[in-house]
Protein backbone atom coordinates (compact mmCIF):
# COMPACT_ATOMS: atom_id res chain seq x y z
CA MET A 1 -24.61 -47.07 -25.10
CA GLU A 2 -26.61 -45.81 -28.06
CA ARG A 3 -25.38 -43.00 -30.27
CA VAL A 4 -27.94 -40.19 -30.58
CA VAL A 5 -28.61 -38.36 -33.83
CA ILE A 6 -30.76 -35.48 -35.07
CA THR A 7 -33.02 -36.41 -37.96
CA GLY A 8 -35.61 -33.62 -38.14
CA ALA A 9 -36.15 -29.96 -37.33
CA GLY A 10 -39.05 -27.54 -37.30
CA LEU A 11 -39.47 -24.01 -36.05
CA VAL A 12 -41.57 -20.90 -35.81
CA SER A 13 -39.52 -17.74 -35.46
CA PRO A 14 -39.27 -13.98 -36.04
CA LEU A 15 -37.06 -14.83 -39.05
CA GLY A 16 -39.52 -17.20 -40.67
CA ASN A 17 -41.63 -20.24 -39.97
CA ASP A 18 -39.60 -22.87 -41.75
CA VAL A 19 -35.95 -23.87 -41.47
CA SER A 20 -34.93 -22.74 -44.97
CA THR A 21 -36.36 -19.22 -44.61
CA PHE A 22 -34.93 -18.89 -41.10
CA TRP A 23 -31.47 -20.05 -42.11
CA ASN A 24 -31.21 -17.93 -45.25
CA ALA A 25 -32.22 -14.84 -43.27
CA MET A 26 -29.56 -15.58 -40.67
CA LEU A 27 -26.82 -15.95 -43.26
CA GLN A 28 -27.84 -12.60 -44.73
CA GLY A 29 -27.66 -10.97 -41.30
CA LYS A 30 -31.30 -9.99 -41.32
CA SER A 31 -33.04 -8.89 -38.14
CA GLY A 32 -36.39 -10.30 -37.06
CA ILE A 33 -36.99 -7.42 -34.65
CA SER A 34 -39.85 -5.09 -35.50
CA ARG A 35 -42.20 -2.63 -33.84
CA ILE A 36 -45.12 -4.18 -31.99
CA ASP A 37 -48.32 -3.38 -33.87
CA SER A 38 -50.87 -5.61 -32.14
CA TRP A 39 -51.37 -3.25 -29.19
CA ASP A 40 -50.46 0.27 -28.12
CA THR A 41 -46.93 0.45 -26.68
CA SER A 42 -46.80 4.23 -26.20
CA HIS A 43 -46.84 3.82 -22.41
CA MET A 44 -44.09 1.16 -22.43
CA LYS A 45 -40.34 1.54 -22.05
CA THR A 46 -39.78 -0.46 -25.22
CA HIS A 47 -41.81 -0.69 -28.41
CA MET A 48 -40.29 -3.60 -30.31
CA ALA A 49 -39.95 -7.36 -30.17
CA GLY A 50 -39.13 -10.41 -32.23
CA VAL A 51 -42.73 -11.03 -33.28
CA VAL A 52 -43.72 -14.10 -35.28
CA ARG A 53 -45.44 -12.98 -38.47
CA ASP A 54 -47.62 -14.85 -40.99
CA PHE A 55 -48.58 -17.63 -38.60
CA ASP A 56 -52.13 -18.81 -39.32
CA ALA A 57 -53.18 -21.07 -36.46
CA ASP A 58 -56.78 -21.32 -37.67
CA GLY A 59 -55.65 -22.36 -41.12
CA ARG A 60 -53.22 -24.89 -39.73
CA PHE A 61 -55.26 -26.52 -37.00
CA GLY A 62 -58.81 -25.41 -37.70
CA ARG A 63 -60.50 -22.62 -35.73
CA LYS A 64 -61.98 -24.87 -33.05
CA GLU A 65 -58.72 -26.66 -32.29
CA ALA A 66 -56.64 -23.47 -32.47
CA ARG A 67 -58.87 -21.77 -29.88
CA ARG A 68 -58.17 -24.61 -27.44
CA MET A 69 -54.44 -23.84 -27.44
CA ASP A 70 -52.48 -20.84 -26.21
CA ARG A 71 -50.19 -19.23 -28.77
CA PHE A 72 -47.08 -20.90 -27.30
CA CYS A 73 -48.74 -24.28 -27.71
CA GLN A 74 -49.75 -23.50 -31.29
CA PHE A 75 -46.12 -22.68 -32.06
CA ALA A 76 -44.90 -25.90 -30.45
CA MET A 77 -47.43 -28.03 -32.31
CA ALA A 78 -46.59 -26.48 -35.68
CA ALA A 79 -42.83 -26.85 -35.14
CA ALA A 80 -43.23 -30.45 -33.96
CA GLU A 81 -45.36 -31.37 -36.97
CA ASP A 82 -42.76 -29.88 -39.30
CA ALA A 83 -39.90 -31.63 -37.49
CA ILE A 84 -41.65 -34.99 -37.77
CA GLN A 85 -42.31 -34.43 -41.45
CA ASP A 86 -38.73 -33.29 -42.00
CA ALA A 87 -37.49 -36.46 -40.30
CA GLY A 88 -39.65 -38.62 -42.57
CA LEU A 89 -40.97 -40.26 -39.43
CA VAL A 90 -44.00 -42.44 -40.19
CA LEU A 91 -45.79 -42.48 -36.84
CA ASP A 92 -47.69 -45.71 -37.55
CA GLN A 93 -44.34 -47.47 -37.89
CA VAL A 94 -42.88 -46.21 -34.60
CA ASP A 95 -43.16 -48.08 -31.29
CA LYS A 96 -45.17 -45.40 -29.48
CA GLU A 97 -44.17 -46.74 -26.06
CA ARG A 98 -40.56 -45.90 -26.95
CA MET A 99 -41.34 -42.45 -28.34
CA GLY A 100 -41.22 -39.48 -25.98
CA VAL A 101 -41.77 -35.71 -25.96
CA TYR A 102 -39.46 -33.32 -24.09
CA VAL A 103 -40.81 -29.83 -24.82
CA GLY A 104 -40.98 -26.97 -22.33
CA SER A 105 -41.97 -23.33 -21.98
CA GLY A 106 -40.63 -20.81 -19.51
CA ILE A 107 -43.70 -18.62 -19.12
CA GLY A 108 -46.45 -20.77 -20.61
CA GLY A 109 -49.85 -19.41 -21.55
CA ILE A 110 -49.57 -15.94 -20.13
CA SER A 111 -51.69 -14.34 -22.88
CA THR A 112 -54.53 -16.75 -22.07
CA LEU A 113 -54.20 -15.91 -18.39
CA MET A 114 -54.36 -12.18 -19.06
CA GLU A 115 -57.34 -12.48 -21.41
CA GLN A 116 -59.25 -14.58 -18.93
CA GLY A 117 -58.31 -12.25 -16.07
CA GLU A 118 -59.82 -9.35 -17.97
CA LEU A 119 -62.98 -11.38 -18.60
CA LEU A 120 -63.25 -12.15 -14.89
CA ARG A 121 -62.89 -8.47 -14.05
CA THR A 122 -65.38 -7.20 -16.63
CA ARG A 123 -67.91 -10.01 -17.08
CA GLY A 124 -67.62 -12.27 -14.04
CA VAL A 125 -67.10 -15.90 -13.16
CA PRO A 126 -69.57 -17.44 -15.65
CA ARG A 127 -67.49 -16.17 -18.59
CA ILE A 128 -64.26 -17.89 -17.55
CA SER A 129 -63.22 -20.75 -19.81
CA PRO A 130 -63.01 -24.21 -18.23
CA LEU A 131 -59.89 -24.63 -20.38
CA LEU A 132 -58.04 -21.71 -18.76
CA VAL A 133 -55.72 -23.85 -16.65
CA PRO A 134 -55.02 -26.51 -19.32
CA MET A 135 -54.25 -23.77 -21.83
CA MET A 136 -52.07 -21.83 -19.40
CA ILE A 137 -49.83 -24.48 -17.85
CA SER A 138 -46.44 -24.85 -19.50
CA ASN A 139 -46.52 -28.64 -19.84
CA MET A 140 -49.39 -28.43 -22.31
CA ALA A 141 -47.13 -28.13 -25.37
CA ALA A 142 -45.51 -31.47 -24.57
CA SER A 143 -48.91 -32.94 -23.72
CA MET A 144 -50.57 -31.82 -26.95
CA ILE A 145 -47.69 -33.10 -29.06
CA SER A 146 -47.93 -36.43 -27.23
CA ILE A 147 -51.70 -36.60 -27.79
CA HIS A 148 -51.47 -35.76 -31.48
CA THR A 149 -48.58 -38.13 -32.22
CA GLY A 150 -49.65 -40.93 -29.89
CA ALA A 151 -46.26 -40.85 -28.15
CA GLN A 152 -46.62 -42.91 -24.97
CA GLY A 153 -43.04 -42.81 -23.78
CA PRO A 154 -41.63 -40.32 -21.26
CA THR A 155 -43.14 -36.85 -21.61
CA LEU A 156 -41.27 -34.06 -19.86
CA SER A 157 -41.76 -30.30 -19.74
CA PRO A 158 -38.55 -28.81 -18.34
CA VAL A 159 -38.89 -25.34 -16.85
CA THR A 160 -35.36 -24.01 -16.70
CA ALA A 161 -36.20 -20.54 -17.99
CA CYS A 162 -34.13 -19.51 -21.01
CA SER A 163 -32.13 -22.76 -21.03
CA ILE A 164 -35.21 -24.94 -21.61
CA GLY A 165 -34.40 -25.92 -25.20
CA ASN A 166 -30.94 -27.22 -24.33
CA THR A 167 -32.23 -28.87 -21.17
CA ALA A 168 -34.86 -30.71 -23.21
CA ILE A 169 -32.38 -31.76 -25.90
CA GLY A 170 -29.77 -32.77 -23.35
CA GLU A 171 -32.11 -34.82 -21.18
CA ALA A 172 -33.58 -36.47 -24.29
CA PHE A 173 -30.05 -37.30 -25.44
CA ARG A 174 -29.31 -38.95 -22.10
CA LEU A 175 -32.48 -41.05 -22.15
CA ILE A 176 -31.98 -42.29 -25.70
CA ARG A 177 -28.30 -42.97 -25.09
CA SER A 178 -29.15 -45.15 -22.09
CA GLY A 179 -31.67 -47.16 -24.11
CA GLY A 180 -34.79 -45.69 -22.50
CA ALA A 181 -36.35 -44.48 -25.76
CA ASP A 182 -35.91 -44.72 -29.52
CA VAL A 183 -37.29 -41.32 -30.53
CA ILE A 184 -37.84 -38.08 -28.62
CA ILE A 185 -39.32 -34.84 -29.92
CA ALA A 186 -37.38 -32.16 -28.04
CA GLY A 187 -37.21 -28.40 -27.75
CA GLY A 188 -39.11 -25.41 -26.44
CA ALA A 189 -41.77 -22.82 -27.22
CA GLU A 190 -42.65 -19.35 -25.99
CA ALA A 191 -45.23 -16.63 -26.66
CA ALA A 192 -44.87 -14.06 -23.90
CA ILE A 193 -44.94 -10.75 -25.78
CA THR A 194 -47.68 -9.25 -23.64
CA GLU A 195 -48.09 -5.93 -21.87
CA ILE A 196 -47.55 -7.40 -18.43
CA SER A 197 -44.42 -9.31 -19.42
CA MET A 198 -42.89 -6.31 -21.12
CA ALA A 199 -43.84 -4.03 -18.25
CA SER A 200 -42.14 -6.35 -15.77
CA PHE A 201 -38.95 -6.79 -17.78
CA GLY A 202 -38.93 -3.09 -18.58
CA ASN A 203 -39.25 -2.11 -14.93
CA ALA A 204 -36.40 -4.49 -14.16
CA THR A 205 -34.31 -2.50 -16.69
CA ALA A 206 -33.58 -5.76 -18.51
CA LEU A 207 -35.09 -4.76 -21.87
CA SER A 208 -33.47 -2.63 -24.51
CA SER A 209 -35.06 0.82 -24.62
CA TRP A 210 -33.67 1.51 -28.09
CA ASP A 211 -35.94 3.95 -29.89
CA GLY A 212 -34.42 3.91 -33.36
CA ASP A 213 -34.56 1.27 -36.08
CA PRO A 214 -35.70 -1.94 -34.33
CA ALA A 215 -33.26 -3.98 -36.41
CA LEU A 216 -30.39 -2.31 -34.55
CA ALA A 217 -31.67 -2.91 -31.03
CA SER A 218 -30.23 -6.33 -30.21
CA ARG A 219 -26.45 -6.04 -30.15
CA PRO A 220 -24.76 -8.79 -28.13
CA PHE A 221 -21.14 -8.05 -27.22
CA ASP A 222 -21.25 -4.53 -28.68
CA ALA A 223 -20.19 -1.77 -26.30
CA GLY A 224 -23.53 -0.01 -26.88
CA ARG A 225 -25.74 -2.93 -25.84
CA GLU A 226 -28.39 -1.95 -23.31
CA GLY A 227 -30.65 -4.96 -22.78
CA PHE A 228 -32.38 -7.85 -24.50
CA VAL A 229 -35.24 -7.75 -26.96
CA MET A 230 -38.16 -10.08 -26.25
CA ALA A 231 -39.07 -12.60 -28.94
CA GLU A 232 -41.35 -15.59 -29.44
CA GLY A 233 -41.52 -18.84 -31.37
CA ALA A 234 -40.63 -22.52 -31.10
CA GLY A 235 -37.69 -24.72 -31.99
CA ILE A 236 -38.20 -28.50 -32.10
CA LEU A 237 -35.85 -31.34 -33.04
CA VAL A 238 -36.37 -35.05 -33.61
CA LEU A 239 -33.73 -37.07 -31.77
CA GLU A 240 -33.29 -40.78 -32.41
CA SER A 241 -30.96 -43.58 -31.50
CA LEU A 242 -28.61 -44.27 -34.38
CA THR A 243 -29.92 -47.84 -34.43
CA HIS A 244 -33.50 -46.66 -34.93
CA ALA A 245 -32.53 -44.03 -37.51
CA ARG A 246 -30.51 -46.52 -39.56
CA LYS A 247 -33.22 -49.14 -39.42
CA ARG A 248 -35.68 -46.81 -41.13
CA GLY A 249 -33.11 -45.28 -43.48
CA ALA A 250 -33.36 -41.79 -42.00
CA ARG A 251 -31.33 -38.80 -43.16
CA ILE A 252 -29.02 -37.74 -40.33
CA TYR A 253 -28.17 -34.08 -39.79
CA ALA A 254 -25.79 -34.24 -36.83
CA GLU A 255 -24.95 -36.23 -33.72
CA VAL A 256 -25.50 -35.13 -30.12
CA THR A 257 -22.46 -36.17 -28.11
CA GLY A 258 -22.48 -34.16 -24.88
CA TYR A 259 -24.63 -32.28 -22.41
CA GLY A 260 -23.69 -30.25 -19.38
CA ALA A 261 -25.99 -28.66 -16.80
CA SER A 262 -25.22 -26.52 -13.77
CA SER A 263 -26.55 -23.80 -11.51
CA ASP A 264 -24.95 -20.47 -10.71
CA ALA A 265 -26.35 -20.66 -7.16
CA TYR A 266 -26.05 -16.89 -7.16
CA HIS A 267 -29.03 -14.66 -8.05
CA MET A 268 -32.64 -14.72 -9.25
CA VAL A 269 -31.95 -12.94 -12.54
CA ALA A 270 -28.29 -11.91 -12.80
CA SER A 271 -25.56 -14.12 -14.22
CA HIS A 272 -22.63 -14.91 -11.96
CA PRO A 273 -20.11 -12.15 -12.79
CA GLU A 274 -17.32 -14.70 -13.16
CA GLY A 275 -19.40 -17.01 -15.34
CA ARG A 276 -19.09 -19.78 -12.77
CA GLY A 277 -22.10 -21.83 -13.84
CA ALA A 278 -21.54 -21.25 -17.55
CA TYR A 279 -17.96 -22.49 -17.24
CA GLN A 280 -19.08 -25.59 -15.37
CA ALA A 281 -21.81 -26.48 -17.87
CA MET A 282 -19.48 -26.08 -20.87
CA LYS A 283 -16.79 -28.11 -19.15
CA LEU A 284 -19.18 -30.96 -18.31
CA ALA A 285 -20.62 -31.03 -21.82
CA LEU A 286 -17.19 -31.29 -23.42
CA GLN A 287 -16.13 -33.97 -20.96
CA GLU A 288 -19.16 -36.10 -21.74
CA ALA A 289 -18.51 -35.68 -25.47
CA GLY A 290 -14.87 -36.67 -25.03
CA VAL A 291 -13.79 -33.38 -26.61
CA GLU A 292 -10.86 -31.17 -25.70
CA PRO A 293 -11.60 -27.42 -25.76
CA ALA A 294 -9.10 -26.92 -28.59
CA GLN A 295 -11.16 -29.24 -30.84
CA VAL A 296 -14.26 -27.00 -30.84
CA ASP A 297 -14.89 -25.24 -34.16
CA VAL A 298 -17.66 -22.79 -33.18
CA ILE A 299 -19.55 -21.62 -30.10
CA SER A 300 -23.18 -20.55 -30.35
CA ALA A 301 -23.35 -18.09 -27.47
CA HIS A 302 -26.31 -17.42 -25.19
CA ALA A 303 -25.48 -13.70 -25.50
CA THR A 304 -28.73 -11.83 -24.88
CA SER A 305 -27.33 -8.29 -25.30
CA THR A 306 -27.16 -7.41 -21.61
CA GLN A 307 -24.06 -5.84 -20.12
CA VAL A 308 -23.48 -8.34 -17.32
CA GLY A 309 -24.69 -11.47 -19.09
CA ASP A 310 -22.59 -11.09 -22.23
CA ARG A 311 -19.51 -10.17 -20.24
CA SER A 312 -19.84 -13.11 -17.84
CA GLU A 313 -20.23 -15.55 -20.75
CA MET A 314 -17.04 -14.18 -22.29
CA VAL A 315 -15.24 -14.66 -18.97
CA ALA A 316 -16.41 -18.28 -18.82
CA ILE A 317 -15.33 -19.00 -22.40
CA LYS A 318 -11.88 -17.51 -21.83
CA ARG A 319 -11.44 -19.48 -18.61
CA LEU A 320 -12.33 -22.81 -20.22
CA PHE A 321 -10.75 -22.38 -23.65
CA GLY A 322 -7.67 -20.37 -22.70
CA GLU A 323 -5.73 -19.05 -25.69
CA ASP A 324 -7.97 -21.09 -28.01
CA ALA A 325 -10.84 -18.80 -27.07
CA TYR A 326 -9.38 -16.18 -29.40
CA ARG A 327 -9.30 -18.65 -32.30
CA ILE A 328 -12.85 -20.07 -32.02
CA PRO A 329 -15.70 -18.07 -33.60
CA VAL A 330 -18.41 -17.11 -31.09
CA THR A 331 -21.68 -16.27 -32.84
CA ALA A 332 -24.76 -14.73 -31.22
CA ASN A 333 -28.03 -15.65 -32.94
CA LYS A 334 -30.05 -13.38 -30.65
CA SER A 335 -28.62 -10.37 -32.45
CA MET A 336 -31.09 -11.28 -35.23
CA LEU A 337 -33.76 -13.28 -33.41
CA GLY A 338 -34.08 -11.43 -30.15
CA HIS A 339 -34.48 -13.53 -27.02
CA MET A 340 -37.04 -16.31 -27.55
CA PHE A 341 -36.77 -17.40 -23.89
CA GLY A 342 -37.81 -21.07 -23.64
CA ALA A 343 -37.73 -21.40 -27.42
CA ALA A 344 -34.21 -20.01 -27.80
CA GLY A 345 -32.24 -23.21 -27.22
CA GLY A 346 -34.24 -25.21 -29.73
CA ALA A 347 -34.03 -22.54 -32.43
CA GLU A 348 -30.33 -22.03 -31.84
CA ALA A 349 -29.70 -25.79 -31.93
CA ILE A 350 -31.36 -25.83 -35.35
CA ALA A 351 -29.07 -23.01 -36.46
CA LEU A 352 -26.09 -24.99 -35.15
CA VAL A 353 -27.17 -28.06 -37.13
CA GLN A 354 -27.31 -25.88 -40.25
CA MET A 355 -23.82 -24.55 -39.52
CA ILE A 356 -22.48 -28.10 -39.38
CA GLN A 357 -24.38 -29.13 -42.51
CA GLU A 358 -23.40 -26.18 -44.66
CA GLY A 359 -20.07 -25.03 -43.24
CA GLN A 360 -21.24 -21.47 -42.68
CA ILE A 361 -21.46 -19.38 -39.51
CA PRO A 362 -24.14 -16.67 -39.31
CA PRO A 363 -22.92 -13.29 -38.06
CA THR A 364 -23.41 -11.42 -34.84
CA ILE A 365 -24.98 -8.30 -36.29
CA ASN A 366 -24.96 -4.73 -34.97
CA GLN A 367 -21.29 -4.77 -34.08
CA GLU A 368 -20.23 -1.13 -34.18
CA VAL A 369 -17.98 -0.50 -31.16
CA ARG A 370 -16.11 -3.39 -29.61
CA ASP A 371 -16.49 -3.87 -25.88
CA PRO A 372 -12.90 -4.37 -24.68
CA GLU A 373 -14.14 -7.02 -22.25
CA CYS A 374 -15.85 -8.92 -25.10
CA ASP A 375 -12.83 -9.13 -27.35
CA LEU A 376 -13.23 -12.62 -28.84
CA ASP A 377 -14.04 -13.28 -32.49
CA VAL A 378 -17.82 -12.74 -32.56
CA VAL A 379 -18.15 -13.09 -36.36
CA PRO A 380 -19.06 -9.41 -36.69
CA ASN A 381 -21.76 -8.39 -39.17
CA GLU A 382 -21.01 -10.86 -41.98
CA ALA A 383 -21.43 -14.63 -42.28
CA ARG A 384 -18.31 -16.74 -42.62
CA GLU A 385 -17.44 -20.04 -44.26
CA LYS A 386 -15.79 -22.61 -42.03
CA ASP A 387 -15.68 -26.39 -41.95
CA ILE A 388 -17.36 -27.38 -38.70
CA ASN A 389 -16.96 -30.77 -37.09
CA ILE A 390 -17.61 -29.99 -33.42
CA ALA A 391 -19.85 -27.22 -32.11
CA ILE A 392 -21.37 -26.22 -28.80
CA SER A 393 -24.47 -24.22 -27.94
CA ASN A 394 -24.87 -22.31 -24.68
CA SER A 395 -28.19 -21.55 -22.99
CA PHE A 396 -28.48 -19.86 -19.61
CA GLY A 397 -31.63 -18.93 -17.72
CA PHE A 398 -33.05 -16.86 -14.89
CA GLY A 399 -32.40 -18.47 -11.53
CA GLY A 400 -28.94 -19.54 -12.65
CA HIS A 401 -29.89 -22.51 -14.85
CA ASN A 402 -27.22 -23.40 -17.40
CA ALA A 403 -27.42 -26.00 -20.16
CA VAL A 404 -24.87 -26.68 -22.89
CA ILE A 405 -25.00 -29.22 -25.72
CA VAL A 406 -22.26 -30.53 -27.99
CA LEU A 407 -23.00 -31.47 -31.59
CA HIS A 408 -20.74 -33.37 -33.97
CA LYS A 409 -20.79 -33.68 -37.73
CA PHE A 410 -22.18 -37.17 -38.25
CA GLU A 411 -19.69 -39.84 -39.25
CA GLN A 412 -20.59 -43.44 -39.96
């Protein structure tokens, strides 16, 4: 079977729209959470989000092309372009029939749907765009990337809620490993910071209602956590077979060695209180990678800053890793990013690659009072140096979807 490596990365995020800016902000423990200023939130239960700033879609794609894409698709396209450039991938030299795109979105073009719904209500049927459905459906990010790159291999848009990024990376890893493709662009994108989304999550009491400094709102594992903070963006990786990467002399960031997927089979939105599905996905991922739990150097936690979710993930980690759970750092990127939903796994995989490359672990910020049930080493408030050879990233989604990937430092 083929070995599978990561050769490129691109992202759009609340902490910056390139990997270097994003990574430096994470190491400094900066928060990307800010007050929403694009519409009036005075009637909402929460007033902040991880908003992407300084993203000029018109400048990047041209006004005509940008208007044919929902914001989530714009993010995906930009991140994919940057990942391809970062990988040094010359598209004219790639066998397009063996190049695929695995990019998903959990909510898709909800802002387009809402805008068009308002037009229908106020101005009638003739004003509705014929592109409404193509712009709205969540597979369009993968489709547009395929169209613009000419990728003719398998194109997949996984919809596994907040675990989409890891599902895409994991399924791409499996296809390349089995010889079904040479290159796959993989990850996720999301742009769901809208009134209706926030109203729904707010009424479900899932969102943080923090009313102080937005930077302090997302606090995974802290005793004072009270809900997640919505965020947006995209995280895209270029995965290749080692054979293909070597043939073109590519720089290799890390190797994907394992993937585990499971379902809680429990509840529409709540995690299983005993972390049943999370445990199973981590266990399967490590088994496929041929890794013993004690060999893991860092865990990138899903950790959204909800009471039940964070606690159940801790239970699952303790069950699988035993006494080693207290030795392994468990970092929570969402403390700085907020919850990027379908984009979270891709962005957090990029952060994990950077950890392996640079031997540094970004902190879990906003740790003030330890939750006695979340008593593992969460790298509180300050980044830490550590040589990292084996790392895992957890992503769990509404409906009980769980996806875990294992990355190794690349060795010839």
